Amino acid sequence: MDDRHSPRQMIGTYVFLITGPILWAINLTLIYGAQSSLCAFAAWPAGTIKVLVGAISILLVGCAGAAMLWPEIVLRALAATSPPEDQWPFLKGAMRLLTGLSALAMTYFALAALFVSGCDALR
């Protein structure tokens, strides 16, 4: 049986293609959840929450950058196989485009979260 038709390879390839949007969704979930909850309940000072938002953003944008630099390693980890030669340029290009757009969006959101005081509106 050809491994290229296995469910793991198909799902792994799909997850590979949407690596950037997945990281962006994680970023929004962690930042919106952490910032909103911590600010609403006054659990931490506003400055500490901004540092947390910045750290989460830097970590996830770094993950996106690493995925864009080493796409074959990411695909191998997700699909447990090498990329097909005839499809690799498309897969790599599509993943890099989506991940680059997602990294840009994560950066813009992080800048907004860092420069605009979000805790004042929630308290």
PDB file of N, CA and C in Angstrom:
ATOM      1  N   MET A   1       0.838  -1.183   0.000  1.00  0.00           N
ATOM      2  CA  MET A   1       0.000   0.000   0.000  1.00  0.00           C
ATOM      3  C   MET A   1       0.884   1.247   0.000  1.00  0.00           C
ATOM      4  N   ASP A   2       0.539   2.187  -0.836  1.00  0.00           N
ATOM      5  CA  ASP A   2       1.278   3.443  -0.908  1.00  0.00           C
ATOM      6  C   ASP A   2       0.926   4.308   0.295  1.00  0.00           C
ATOM      7  N   ASP A   3       1.932   4.763   1.011  1.00  0.00           N
ATOM      8  CA  ASP A   3       1.720   5.553   2.230  1.00  0.00           C
ATOM      9  C   ASP A   3       1.110   6.921   1.935  1.00  0.00           C
ATOM     10  N   ARG A   4       1.206   7.379   0.688  1.00  0.00           N
ATOM     11  CA  ARG A   4       0.690   8.698   0.345  1.00  0.00           C
ATOM     12  C   ARG A   4      -0.834   8.763   0.414  1.00  0.00           C
ATOM     13  N   HIS A   5      -1.496   7.628   0.480  1.00  0.00           N
ATOM     14  CA  HIS A   5      -2.945   7.613   0.556  1.00  0.00           C
ATOM     15  C   HIS A   5      -3.441   7.312   1.968  1.00  0.00           C
ATOM     16  N   SER A   6      -2.548   7.272   2.929  1.00  0.00           N
ATOM     17  CA  SER A   6      -2.959   6.987   4.300  1.00  0.00           C
ATOM     18  C   SER A   6      -3.624   8.217   4.916  1.00  0.00           C
ATOM     19  N   PRO A   7      -4.530   8.002   5.860  1.00  0.00           N
ATOM     20  CA  PRO A   7      -5.177   9.148   6.519  1.00  0.00           C
ATOM     21  C   PRO A   7      -4.187  10.066   7.225  1.00  0.00           C
ATOM     22  N   ARG A   8      -3.155   9.504   7.841  1.00  0.00           N
ATOM     23  CA  ARG A   8      -2.184  10.349   8.536  1.00  0.00           C
ATOM     24  C   ARG A   8      -1.467  11.280   7.570  1.00  0.00           C
ATOM     25  N   GLN A   9      -1.140  10.771   6.391  1.00  0.00           N
ATOM     26  CA  GLN A   9      -0.441  11.602   5.412  1.00  0.00           C
ATOM     27  C   GLN A   9      -1.360  12.703   4.899  1.00  0.00           C
ATOM     28  N   MET A  10      -2.627  12.378   4.647  1.00  0.00           N
ATOM     29  CA  MET A  10      -3.555  13.391   4.144  1.00  0.00           C
ATOM     30  C   MET A  10      -3.844  14.461   5.198  1.00  0.00           C
ATOM     31  N   ILE A  11      -4.109  14.036   6.420  1.00  0.00           N
ATOM     32  CA  ILE A  11      -4.402  15.000   7.490  1.00  0.00           C
ATOM     33  C   ILE A  11      -3.149  15.796   7.830  1.00  0.00           C
ATOM     34  N   GLY A  12      -1.997  15.121   7.857  1.00  0.00           N
ATOM     35  CA  GLY A  12      -0.745  15.814   8.133  1.00  0.00           C
ATOM     36  C   GLY A  12      -0.431  16.870   7.090  1.00  0.00           C
ATOM     37  N   THR A  13      -0.715  16.573   5.827  1.00  0.00           N
ATOM     38  CA  THR A  13      -0.493  17.547   4.762  1.00  0.00           C
ATOM     39  C   THR A  13      -1.437  18.732   4.909  1.00  0.00           C
ATOM     40  N   TYR A  14      -2.691  18.465   5.258  1.00  0.00           N
ATOM     41  CA  TYR A  14      -3.649  19.555   5.454  1.00  0.00           C
ATOM     42  C   TYR A  14      -3.236  20.439   6.627  1.00  0.00           C
ATOM     43  N   VAL A  15      -2.846  19.829   7.726  1.00  0.00           N
ATOM     44  CA  VAL A  15      -2.402  20.613   8.891  1.00  0.00           C
ATOM     45  C   VAL A  15      -1.148  21.393   8.543  1.00  0.00           C
ATOM     46  N   PHE A  16      -0.268  20.798   7.740  1.00  0.00           N
ATOM     47  CA  PHE A  16       0.922  21.504   7.278  1.00  0.00           C
ATOM     48  C   PHE A  16       0.547  22.769   6.507  1.00  0.00           C
ATOM     49  N   LEU A  17      -0.439  22.654   5.615  1.00  0.00           N
ATOM     50  CA  LEU A  17      -0.851  23.803   4.823  1.00  0.00           C
ATOM     51  C   LEU A  17      -1.413  24.929   5.686  1.00  0.00           C
ATOM     52  N   ILE A  18      -2.114  24.598   6.746  1.00  0.00           N
ATOM     53  CA  ILE A  18      -2.735  25.631   7.579  1.00  0.00           C
ATOM     54  C   ILE A  18      -1.983  25.824   8.899  1.00  0.00           C
ATOM     55  N   THR A  19      -0.695  25.581   8.886  1.00  0.00           N
ATOM     56  CA  THR A  19       0.128  25.797  10.081  1.00  0.00           C
ATOM     57  C   THR A  19       0.013  27.237  10.572  1.00  0.00           C
ATOM     58  N   GLY A  20       0.113  28.188   9.690  1.00  0.00           N
ATOM     59  CA  GLY A  20       0.027  29.599  10.071  1.00  0.00           C
ATOM     60  C   GLY A  20      -1.312  29.972  10.677  1.00  0.00           C
ATOM     61  N   PRO A  21      -2.435  29.649  10.022  1.00  0.00           N
ATOM     62  CA  PRO A  21      -3.721  29.958  10.641  1.00  0.00           C
ATOM     63  C   PRO A  21      -3.946  29.249  11.982  1.00  0.00           C
ATOM     64  N   ILE A  22      -3.391  28.058  12.134  1.00  0.00           N
ATOM     65  CA  ILE A  22      -3.515  27.370  13.424  1.00  0.00           C
ATOM     66  C   ILE A  22      -2.746  28.147  14.497  1.00  0.00           C
ATOM     67  N   LEU A  23      -1.538  28.582  14.176  1.00  0.00           N
ATOM     68  CA  LEU A  23      -0.765  29.375  15.137  1.00  0.00           C
ATOM     69  C   LEU A  23      -1.461  30.695  15.442  1.00  0.00           C
ATOM     70  N   TRP A  24      -2.082  31.300  14.451  1.00  0.00           N
ATOM     71  CA  TRP A  24      -2.805  32.542  14.646  1.00  0.00           C
ATOM     72  C   TRP A  24      -4.012  32.330  15.563  1.00  0.00           C
ATOM     73  N   ALA A  25      -4.719  31.223  15.371  1.00  0.00           N
ATOM     74  CA  ALA A  25      -5.860  30.909  16.237  1.00  0.00           C
ATOM     75  C   ALA A  25      -5.405  30.672  17.677  1.00  0.00           C
ATOM     76  N   ILE A  26      -4.278  29.995  17.841  1.00  0.00           N
ATOM     77  CA  ILE A  26      -3.732  29.791  19.192  1.00  0.00           C
ATOM     78  C   ILE A  26      -3.358  31.132  19.804  1.00  0.00           C
ATOM     79  N   ASN A  27      -2.739  31.991  18.999  1.00  0.00           N
ATOM     80  CA  ASN A  27      -2.350  33.319  19.472  1.00  0.00           C
ATOM     81  C   ASN A  27      -3.568  34.112  19.946  1.00  0.00           C
ATOM     82  N   LEU A  28      -4.596  34.168  19.130  1.00  0.00           N
ATOM     83  CA  LEU A  28      -5.788  34.923  19.510  1.00  0.00           C
ATOM     84  C   LEU A  28      -6.449  34.339  20.754  1.00  0.00           C
ATOM     85  N   THR A  29      -6.511  33.026  20.833  1.00  0.00           N
ATOM     86  CA  THR A  29      -7.125  32.382  21.995  1.00  0.00           C
ATOM     87  C   THR A  29      -6.353  32.691  23.269  1.00  0.00           C
ATOM     88  N   LEU A  30      -5.040  32.529  23.213  1.00  0.00           N
ATOM     89  CA  LEU A  30      -4.235  32.777  24.411  1.00  0.00           C
ATOM     90  C   LEU A  30      -4.240  34.245  24.805  1.00  0.00           C
ATOM     91  N   ILE A  31      -4.109  35.126  23.834  1.00  0.00           N
ATOM     92  CA  ILE A  31      -4.032  36.542  24.176  1.00  0.00           C
ATOM     93  C   ILE A  31      -5.386  37.080  24.611  1.00  0.00           C
ATOM     94  N   TYR A  32      -6.424  36.806  23.826  1.00  0.00           N
ATOM     95  CA  TYR A  32      -7.742  37.299  24.231  1.00  0.00           C
ATOM     96  C   TYR A  32      -8.156  36.688  25.562  1.00  0.00           C
ATOM     97  N   GLY A  33      -7.960  35.394  25.706  1.00  0.00           N
ATOM     98  CA  GLY A  33      -8.343  34.734  26.955  1.00  0.00           C
ATOM     99  C   GLY A  33      -7.553  35.220  28.143  1.00  0.00           C
ATOM    100  N   ALA A  34      -6.230  35.259  27.996  1.00  0.00           N
ATOM    101  CA  ALA A  34      -5.388  35.680  29.112  1.00  0.00           C
ATOM    102  C   ALA A  34      -5.599  37.146  29.449  1.00  0.00           C
ATOM    103  N   GLN A  35      -5.562  38.003  28.437  1.00  0.00           N
ATOM    104  CA  GLN A  35      -5.683  39.431  28.699  1.00  0.00           C
ATOM    105  C   GLN A  35      -7.063  39.767  29.265  1.00  0.00           C
ATOM    106  N   SER A  36      -8.105  39.231  28.683  1.00  0.00           N
ATOM    107  CA  SER A  36      -9.453  39.546  29.150  1.00  0.00           C
ATOM    108  C   SER A  36      -9.696  39.035  30.559  1.00  0.00           C
ATOM    109  N   SER A  37      -9.315  37.804  30.808  1.00  0.00           N
ATOM    110  CA  SER A  37      -9.552  37.223  32.134  1.00  0.00           C
ATOM    111  C   SER A  37      -8.716  37.895  33.212  1.00  0.00           C
ATOM    112  N   LEU A  38      -7.434  38.059  32.946  1.00  0.00           N
ATOM    113  CA  LEU A  38      -6.552  38.645  33.957  1.00  0.00           C
ATOM    114  C   LEU A  38      -6.891  40.101  34.222  1.00  0.00           C
ATOM    115  N   CYS A  39      -7.277  40.827  33.181  1.00  0.00           N
ATOM    116  CA  CYS A  39      -7.659  42.229  33.384  1.00  0.00           C
ATOM    117  C   CYS A  39      -9.008  42.342  34.095  1.00  0.00           C
ATOM    118  N   ALA A  40      -9.962  41.522  33.697  1.00  0.00           N
ATOM    119  CA  ALA A  40     -11.307  41.620  34.264  1.00  0.00           C
ATOM    120  C   ALA A  40     -11.307  41.317  35.760  1.00  0.00           C
ATOM    121  N   PHE A  41     -10.491  40.374  36.170  1.00  0.00           N
ATOM    122  CA  PHE A  41     -10.455  40.005  37.577  1.00  0.00           C
ATOM    123  C   PHE A  41      -9.330  40.684  38.346  1.00  0.00           C
ATOM    124  N   ALA A  42      -8.615  41.576  37.686  1.00  0.00           N
ATOM    125  CA  ALA A  42      -7.497  42.313  38.279  1.00  0.00           C
ATOM    126  C   ALA A  42      -6.518  41.369  38.969  1.00  0.00           C
ATOM    127  N   ALA A  43      -6.240  40.251  38.290  1.00  0.00           N
ATOM    128  CA  ALA A  43      -5.348  39.245  38.867  1.00  0.00           C
ATOM    129  C   ALA A  43      -3.898  39.697  38.844  1.00  0.00           C
ATOM    130  N   TRP A  44      -3.493  40.374  37.790  1.00  0.00           N
ATOM    131  CA  TRP A  44      -2.120  40.846  37.660  1.00  0.00           C
ATOM    132  C   TRP A  44      -2.150  42.324  37.285  1.00  0.00           C
ATOM    133  N   PRO A  45      -1.055  43.032  37.536  1.00  0.00           N
ATOM    134  CA  PRO A  45      -0.977  44.425  37.081  1.00  0.00           C
ATOM    135  C   PRO A  45      -0.965  44.500  35.550  1.00  0.00           C
ATOM    136  N   ALA A  46      -1.407  45.628  35.026  1.00  0.00           N
ATOM    137  CA  ALA A  46      -1.504  45.806  33.570  1.00  0.00           C
ATOM    138  C   ALA A  46      -0.156  45.636  32.878  1.00  0.00           C
ATOM    139  N   GLY A  47       0.922  46.093  33.498  1.00  0.00           N
ATOM    140  CA  GLY A  47       2.252  45.946  32.901  1.00  0.00           C
ATOM    141  C   GLY A  47       2.672  44.497  32.751  1.00  0.00           C
ATOM    142  N   THR A  48       2.354  43.686  33.737  1.00  0.00           N
ATOM    143  CA  THR A  48       2.691  42.267  33.681  1.00  0.00           C
ATOM    144  C   THR A  48       1.885  41.568  32.589  1.00  0.00           C
ATOM    145  N   ILE A  49       0.644  41.979  32.428  1.00  0.00           N
ATOM    146  CA  ILE A  49      -0.198  41.378  31.386  1.00  0.00           C
ATOM    147  C   ILE A  49       0.349  41.742  30.006  1.00  0.00           C
ATOM    148  N   LYS A  50       0.836  42.957  29.848  1.00  0.00           N
ATOM    149  CA  LYS A  50       1.436  43.346  28.559  1.00  0.00           C
ATOM    150  C   LYS A  50       2.686  42.527  28.267  1.00  0.00           C
ATOM    151  N   VAL A  51       3.480  42.247  29.281  1.00  0.00           N
ATOM    152  CA  VAL A  51       4.666  41.408  29.087  1.00  0.00           C
ATOM    153  C   VAL A  51       4.242  39.997  28.672  1.00  0.00           C
ATOM    154  N   LEU A  52       3.186  39.480  29.292  1.00  0.00           N
ATOM    155  CA  LEU A  52       2.680  38.154  28.933  1.00  0.00           C
ATOM    156  C   LEU A  52       2.200  38.128  27.486  1.00  0.00           C
ATOM    157  N   VAL A  53       1.461  39.138  27.085  1.00  0.00           N
ATOM    158  CA  VAL A  53       0.980  39.242  25.700  1.00  0.00           C
ATOM    159  C   VAL A  53       2.168  39.302  24.742  1.00  0.00           C
ATOM    160  N   GLY A  54       3.160  40.100  25.066  1.00  0.00           N
ATOM    161  CA  GLY A  54       4.346  40.198  24.218  1.00  0.00           C
ATOM    162  C   GLY A  54       5.102  38.887  24.121  1.00  0.00           C
ATOM    163  N   ALA A  55       5.242  38.182  25.239  1.00  0.00           N
ATOM    164  CA  ALA A  55       5.971  36.907  25.241  1.00  0.00           C
ATOM    165  C   ALA A  55       5.238  35.851  24.414  1.00  0.00           C
ATOM    166  N   ILE A  56       3.920  35.779  24.577  1.00  0.00           N
ATOM    167  CA  ILE A  56       3.135  34.819  23.791  1.00  0.00           C
ATOM    168  C   ILE A  56       3.269  35.128  22.305  1.00  0.00           C
ATOM    169  N   SER A  57       3.182  36.393  21.964  1.00  0.00           N
ATOM    170  CA  SER A  57       3.263  36.785  20.551  1.00  0.00           C
ATOM    171  C   SER A  57       4.633  36.482  19.961  1.00  0.00           C
ATOM    172  N   ILE A  58       5.671  36.807  20.685  1.00  0.00           N
ATOM    173  CA  ILE A  58       7.031  36.542  20.190  1.00  0.00           C
ATOM    174  C   ILE A  58       7.247  35.047  20.008  1.00  0.00           C
ATOM    175  N   LEU A  59       6.779  34.255  20.953  1.00  0.00           N
ATOM    176  CA  LEU A  59       6.935  32.801  20.857  1.00  0.00           C
ATOM    177  C   LEU A  59       6.222  32.244  19.623  1.00  0.00           C
ATOM    178  N   LEU A  60       4.979  32.657  19.405  1.00  0.00           N
ATOM    179  CA  LEU A  60       4.222  32.103  18.289  1.00  0.00           C
ATOM    180  C   LEU A  60       4.677  32.644  16.935  1.00  0.00           C
ATOM    181  N   VAL A  61       5.089  33.900  16.873  1.00  0.00           N
ATOM    182  CA  VAL A  61       5.654  34.418  15.617  1.00  0.00           C
ATOM    183  C   VAL A  61       6.989  33.720  15.330  1.00  0.00           C
ATOM    184  N   GLY A  62       7.743  33.413  16.366  1.00  0.00           N
ATOM    185  CA  GLY A  62       8.977  32.644  16.193  1.00  0.00           C
ATOM    186  C   GLY A  62       8.710  31.245  15.668  1.00  0.00           C
ATOM    187  N   CYS A  63       7.660  30.605  16.176  1.00  0.00           N
ATOM    188  CA  CYS A  63       7.275  29.281  15.662  1.00  0.00           C
ATOM    189  C   CYS A  63       6.878  29.368  14.196  1.00  0.00           C
ATOM    190  N   ALA A  64       6.148  30.418  13.836  1.00  0.00           N
ATOM    191  CA  ALA A  64       5.754  30.604  12.436  1.00  0.00           C
ATOM    192  C   ALA A  64       6.986  30.816  11.557  1.00  0.00           C
ATOM    193  N   GLY A  65       7.921  31.613  12.042  1.00  0.00           N
ATOM    194  CA  GLY A  65       9.154  31.837  11.286  1.00  0.00           C
ATOM    195  C   GLY A  65       9.964  30.561  11.103  1.00  0.00           C
ATOM    196  N   ALA A  66      10.035  29.762  12.151  1.00  0.00           N
ATOM    197  CA  ALA A  66      10.758  28.486  12.053  1.00  0.00           C
ATOM    198  C   ALA A  66      10.073  27.548  11.064  1.00  0.00           C
ATOM    199  N   ALA A  67       8.750  27.534  11.068  1.00  0.00           N
ATOM    200  CA  ALA A  67       8.020  26.687  10.115  1.00  0.00           C
ATOM    201  C   ALA A  67       8.269  27.141   8.679  1.00  0.00           C
ATOM    202  N   MET A  68       8.377  28.448   8.490  1.00  0.00           N
ATOM    203  CA  MET A  68       8.636  28.958   7.137  1.00  0.00           C
ATOM    204  C   MET A  68      10.071  28.673   6.694  1.00  0.00           C
ATOM    205  N   LEU A  69      11.000  28.656   7.624  1.00  0.00           N
ATOM    206  CA  LEU A  69      12.397  28.386   7.276  1.00  0.00           C
ATOM    207  C   LEU A  69      12.662  26.909   7.001  1.00  0.00           C
ATOM    208  N   TRP A  70      12.015  26.038   7.758  1.00  0.00           N
ATOM    209  CA  TRP A  70      12.237  24.597   7.639  1.00  0.00           C
ATOM    210  C   TRP A  70      10.933  23.857   7.378  1.00  0.00           C
ATOM    211  N   PRO A  71      10.314  24.078   6.217  1.00  0.00           N
ATOM    212  CA  PRO A  71       9.008  23.463   5.967  1.00  0.00           C
ATOM    213  C   PRO A  71       9.053  21.942   5.817  1.00  0.00           C
ATOM    214  N   GLU A  72      10.150  21.417   5.298  1.00  0.00           N
ATOM    215  CA  GLU A  72      10.219  19.965   5.106  1.00  0.00           C
ATOM    216  C   GLU A  72      10.231  19.231   6.449  1.00  0.00           C
ATOM    217  N   ILE A  73      10.890  19.809   7.431  1.00  0.00           N
ATOM    218  CA  ILE A  73      10.913  19.190   8.765  1.00  0.00           C
ATOM    219  C   ILE A  73       9.510  19.191   9.371  1.00  0.00           C
ATOM    220  N   VAL A  74       8.783  20.291   9.174  1.00  0.00           N
ATOM    221  CA  VAL A  74       7.422  20.381   9.705  1.00  0.00           C
ATOM    222  C   VAL A  74       6.521  19.350   9.032  1.00  0.00           C
ATOM    223  N   LEU A  75       6.626  19.227   7.711  1.00  0.00           N
ATOM    224  CA  LEU A  75       5.798  18.249   6.998  1.00  0.00           C
ATOM    225  C   LEU A  75       6.133  16.829   7.423  1.00  0.00           C
ATOM    226  N   ARG A  76       7.414  16.530   7.571  1.00  0.00           N
ATOM    227  CA  ARG A  76       7.800  15.189   8.023  1.00  0.00           C
ATOM    228  C   ARG A  76       7.260  14.884   9.409  1.00  0.00           C
ATOM    229  N   ALA A  77       7.276  15.870  10.289  1.00  0.00           N
ATOM    230  CA  ALA A  77       6.768  15.650  11.651  1.00  0.00           C
ATOM    231  C   ALA A  77       5.258  15.420  11.650  1.00  0.00           C
ATOM    232  N   LEU A  78       4.542  16.112  10.781  1.00  0.00           N
ATOM    233  CA  LEU A  78       3.083  16.008  10.762  1.00  0.00           C
ATOM    234  C   LEU A  78       2.578  14.817   9.957  1.00  0.00           C
ATOM    235  N   ALA A  79       3.188  14.567   8.810  1.00  0.00           N
ATOM    236  CA  ALA A  79       2.688  13.528   7.917  1.00  0.00           C
ATOM    237  C   ALA A  79       3.484  12.236   7.981  1.00  0.00           C
ATOM    238  N   ALA A  80       4.607  12.242   8.652  1.00  0.00           N
ATOM    239  CA  ALA A  80       5.471  11.060   8.804  1.00  0.00           C
ATOM    240  C   ALA A  80       5.951  10.519   7.462  1.00  0.00           C
ATOM    241  N   THR A  81       6.146  11.395   6.508  1.00  0.00           N
ATOM    242  CA  THR A  81       6.671  10.994   5.205  1.00  0.00           C
ATOM    243  C   THR A  81       7.314  12.201   4.532  1.00  0.00           C
ATOM    244  N   SER A  82       8.097  11.943   3.527  1.00  0.00           N
ATOM    245  CA  SER A  82       8.691  13.038   2.754  1.00  0.00           C
ATOM    246  C   SER A  82       7.622  13.639   1.848  1.00  0.00           C
ATOM    247  N   PRO A  83       7.826  14.885   1.475  1.00  0.00           N
ATOM    248  CA  PRO A  83       6.851  15.492   0.570  1.00  0.00           C
ATOM    249  C   PRO A  83       6.945  14.890  -0.828  1.00  0.00           C
ATOM    250  N   PRO A  84       5.817  14.755  -1.509  1.00  0.00           N
ATOM    251  CA  PRO A  84       5.873  14.281  -2.892  1.00  0.00           C
ATOM    252  C   PRO A  84       6.571  15.319  -3.777  1.00  0.00           C
ATOM    253  N   GLU A  85       7.474  14.863  -4.625  1.00  0.00           N
ATOM    254  CA  GLU A  85       8.293  15.769  -5.429  1.00  0.00           C
ATOM    255  C   GLU A  85       7.460  16.668  -6.349  1.00  0.00           C
ATOM    256  N   ASP A  86       6.416  16.112  -6.950  1.00  0.00           N
ATOM    257  CA  ASP A  86       5.640  16.902  -7.896  1.00  0.00           C
ATOM    258  C   ASP A  86       4.735  17.927  -7.209  1.00  0.00           C
ATOM    259  N   GLN A  87       4.415  17.721  -5.950  1.00  0.00           N
ATOM    260  CA  GLN A  87       3.532  18.640  -5.218  1.00  0.00           C
ATOM    261  C   GLN A  87       4.281  19.563  -4.260  1.00  0.00           C
ATOM    262  N   TRP A  88       5.540  19.302  -4.019  1.00  0.00           N
ATOM    263  CA  TRP A  88       6.282  20.034  -2.998  1.00  0.00           C
ATOM    264  C   TRP A  88       6.355  21.543  -3.242  1.00  0.00           C
ATOM    265  N   PRO A  89       6.624  22.016  -4.454  1.00  0.00           N
ATOM    266  CA  PRO A  89       6.664  23.479  -4.641  1.00  0.00           C
ATOM    267  C   PRO A  89       5.344  24.155  -4.279  1.00  0.00           C
ATOM    268  N   PHE A  90       4.215  23.551  -4.655  1.00  0.00           N
ATOM    269  CA  PHE A  90       2.921  24.133  -4.305  1.00  0.00           C
ATOM    270  C   PHE A  90       2.686  24.089  -2.797  1.00  0.00           C
ATOM    271  N   LEU A  91       2.932  22.939  -2.181  1.00  0.00           N
ATOM    272  CA  LEU A  91       2.695  22.803  -0.737  1.00  0.00           C
ATOM    273  C   LEU A  91       3.547  23.797   0.055  1.00  0.00           C
ATOM    274  N   LYS A  92       4.816  23.883  -0.309  1.00  0.00           N
ATOM    275  CA  LYS A  92       5.729  24.787   0.388  1.00  0.00           C
ATOM    276  C   LYS A  92       5.321  26.246   0.177  1.00  0.00           C
ATOM    277  N   GLY A  93       4.982  26.618  -1.031  1.00  0.00           N
ATOM    278  CA  GLY A  93       4.588  27.991  -1.318  1.00  0.00           C
ATOM    279  C   GLY A  93       3.291  28.388  -0.628  1.00  0.00           C
ATOM    280  N   ALA A  94       2.303  27.501  -0.658  1.00  0.00           N
ATOM    281  CA  ALA A  94       1.018  27.800  -0.013  1.00  0.00           C
ATOM    282  C   ALA A  94       1.182  27.917   1.497  1.00  0.00           C
ATOM    283  N   MET A  95       1.958  27.008   2.092  1.00  0.00           N
ATOM    284  CA  MET A  95       2.173  27.063   3.535  1.00  0.00           C
ATOM    285  C   MET A  95       2.922  28.329   3.924  1.00  0.00           C
ATOM    286  N   ARG A  96       3.933  28.681   3.164  1.00  0.00           N
ATOM    287  CA  ARG A  96       4.692  29.892   3.483  1.00  0.00           C
ATOM    288  C   ARG A  96       3.843  31.150   3.331  1.00  0.00           C
ATOM    289  N   LEU A  97       2.994  31.198   2.327  1.00  0.00           N
ATOM    290  CA  LEU A  97       2.124  32.349   2.140  1.00  0.00           C
ATOM    291  C   LEU A  97       1.138  32.482   3.309  1.00  0.00           C
ATOM    292  N   LEU A  98       0.461  31.407   3.650  1.00  0.00           N
ATOM    293  CA  LEU A  98      -0.504  31.455   4.754  1.00  0.00           C
ATOM    294  C   LEU A  98       0.176  31.735   6.091  1.00  0.00           C
ATOM    295  N   THR A  99       1.339  31.159   6.305  1.00  0.00           N
ATOM    296  CA  THR A  99       2.052  31.372   7.559  1.00  0.00           C
ATOM    297  C   THR A  99       2.591  32.794   7.633  1.00  0.00           C
ATOM    298  N   GLY A 100       3.072  33.321   6.528  1.00  0.00           N
ATOM    299  CA  GLY A 100       3.542  34.709   6.512  1.00  0.00           C
ATOM    300  C   GLY A 100       2.424  35.695   6.798  1.00  0.00           C
ATOM    301  N   LEU A 101       1.269  35.493   6.188  1.00  0.00           N
ATOM    302  CA  LEU A 101       0.120  36.356   6.468  1.00  0.00           C
ATOM    303  C   LEU A 101      -0.305  36.247   7.929  1.00  0.00           C
ATOM    304  N   SER A 102      -0.288  35.042   8.454  1.00  0.00           N
ATOM    305  CA  SER A 102      -0.666  34.843   9.851  1.00  0.00           C
ATOM    306  C   SER A 102       0.339  35.498  10.797  1.00  0.00           C
ATOM    307  N   ALA A 103       1.625  35.394  10.476  1.00  0.00           N
ATOM    308  CA  ALA A 103       2.650  36.035  11.315  1.00  0.00           C
ATOM    309  C   ALA A 103       2.494  37.549  11.287  1.00  0.00           C
ATOM    310  N   LEU A 104       2.163  38.096  10.129  1.00  0.00           N
ATOM    311  CA  LEU A 104       1.918  39.530  10.028  1.00  0.00           C
ATOM    312  C   LEU A 104       0.717  39.937  10.880  1.00  0.00           C
ATOM    313  N   ALA A 105      -0.344  39.170  10.818  1.00  0.00           N
ATOM    314  CA  ALA A 105      -1.534  39.460  11.623  1.00  0.00           C
ATOM    315  C   ALA A 105      -1.236  39.342  13.118  1.00  0.00           C
ATOM    316  N   MET A 106      -0.452  38.321  13.495  1.00  0.00           N
ATOM    317  CA  MET A 106      -0.095  38.168  14.909  1.00  0.00           C
ATOM    318  C   MET A 106       0.749  39.352  15.382  1.00  0.00           C
ATOM    319  N   THR A 107       1.627  39.819  14.534  1.00  0.00           N
ATOM    320  CA  THR A 107       2.466  40.969  14.889  1.00  0.00           C
ATOM    321  C   THR A 107       1.622  42.229  15.057  1.00  0.00           C
ATOM    322  N   TYR A 108       0.704  42.473  14.124  1.00  0.00           N
ATOM    323  CA  TYR A 108      -0.160  43.652  14.235  1.00  0.00           C
ATOM    324  C   TYR A 108      -1.031  43.591  15.482  1.00  0.00           C
ATOM    325  N   PHE A 109      -1.578  42.434  15.775  1.00  0.00           N
ATOM    326  CA  PHE A 109      -2.411  42.316  16.964  1.00  0.00           C
ATOM    327  C   PHE A 109      -1.579  42.506  18.225  1.00  0.00           C
ATOM    328  N   ALA A 110      -0.379  41.962  18.246  1.00  0.00           N
ATOM    329  CA  ALA A 110       0.479  42.119  19.425  1.00  0.00           C
ATOM    330  C   ALA A 110       0.821  43.587  19.641  1.00  0.00           C
ATOM    331  N   LEU A 111       1.113  44.305  18.557  1.00  0.00           N
ATOM    332  CA  LEU A 111       1.408  45.731  18.704  1.00  0.00           C
ATOM    333  C   LEU A 111       0.200  46.490  19.250  1.00  0.00           C
ATOM    334  N   ALA A 112      -0.973  46.153  18.765  1.00  0.00           N
ATOM    335  CA  ALA A 112      -2.177  46.809  19.273  1.00  0.00           C
ATOM    336  C   ALA A 112      -2.398  46.469  20.740  1.00  0.00           C
ATOM    337  N   ALA A 113      -2.188  45.222  21.105  1.00  0.00           N
ATOM    338  CA  ALA A 113      -2.390  44.812  22.494  1.00  0.00           C
ATOM    339  C   ALA A 113      -1.347  45.429  23.422  1.00  0.00           C
ATOM    340  N   LEU A 114      -0.164  45.676  22.913  1.00  0.00           N
ATOM    341  CA  LEU A 114       0.889  46.255  23.743  1.00  0.00           C
ATOM    342  C   LEU A 114       0.757  47.766  23.896  1.00  0.00           C
ATOM    343  N   PHE A 115       0.289  48.449  22.857  1.00  0.00           N
ATOM    344  CA  PHE A 115       0.247  49.907  22.895  1.00  0.00           C
ATOM    345  C   PHE A 115      -1.090  50.489  23.342  1.00  0.00           C
ATOM    346  N   VAL A 116      -2.163  49.719  23.221  1.00  0.00           N
ATOM    347  CA  VAL A 116      -3.474  50.199  23.631  1.00  0.00           C
ATOM    348  C   VAL A 116      -3.812  49.547  24.973  1.00  0.00           C
ATOM    349  N   SER A 117      -4.186  50.365  25.919  1.00  0.00           N
ATOM    350  CA  SER A 117      -4.490  49.811  27.240  1.00  0.00           C
ATOM    351  C   SER A 117      -5.816  49.064  27.205  1.00  0.00           C
ATOM    352  N   GLY A 118      -5.752  47.756  27.326  1.00  0.00           N
ATOM    353  CA  GLY A 118      -6.959  46.951  27.281  1.00  0.00           C
ATOM    354  C   GLY A 118      -7.590  46.720  28.632  1.00  0.00           C
ATOM    355  N   CYS A 119      -6.820  46.894  29.671  1.00  0.00           N
ATOM    356  CA  CYS A 119      -7.341  46.625  31.010  1.00  0.00           C
ATOM    357  C   CYS A 119      -8.297  47.705  31.497  1.00  0.00           C
ATOM    358  N   ASP A 120      -8.118  48.928  31.060  1.00  0.00           N
ATOM    359  CA  ASP A 120      -8.998  50.010  31.534  1.00  0.00           C
ATOM    360  C   ASP A 120     -10.440  49.779  31.132  1.00  0.00           C
ATOM    361  N   ALA A 121     -10.655  49.247  29.948  1.00  0.00           N
ATOM    362  CA  ALA A 121     -12.027  49.021  29.472  1.00  0.00           C
ATOM    363  C   ALA A 121     -12.685  47.844  30.170  1.00  0.00           C
ATOM    364  N   LEU A 122     -11.889  46.925  30.693  1.00  0.00           N
ATOM    365  CA  LEU A 122     -12.454  45.719  31.310  1.00  0.00           C
ATOM    366  C   LEU A 122     -12.684  45.843  32.807  1.00  0.00           C
ATOM    367  N   ARG A 123     -12.188  46.888  33.412  1.00  0.00           N
ATOM    368  CA  ARG A 123     -12.342  47.014  34.866  1.00  0.00           C
ATOM    369  C   ARG A 123     -13.481  47.907  35.225  1.00  0.00           C
TER     370      ARG A 123
END
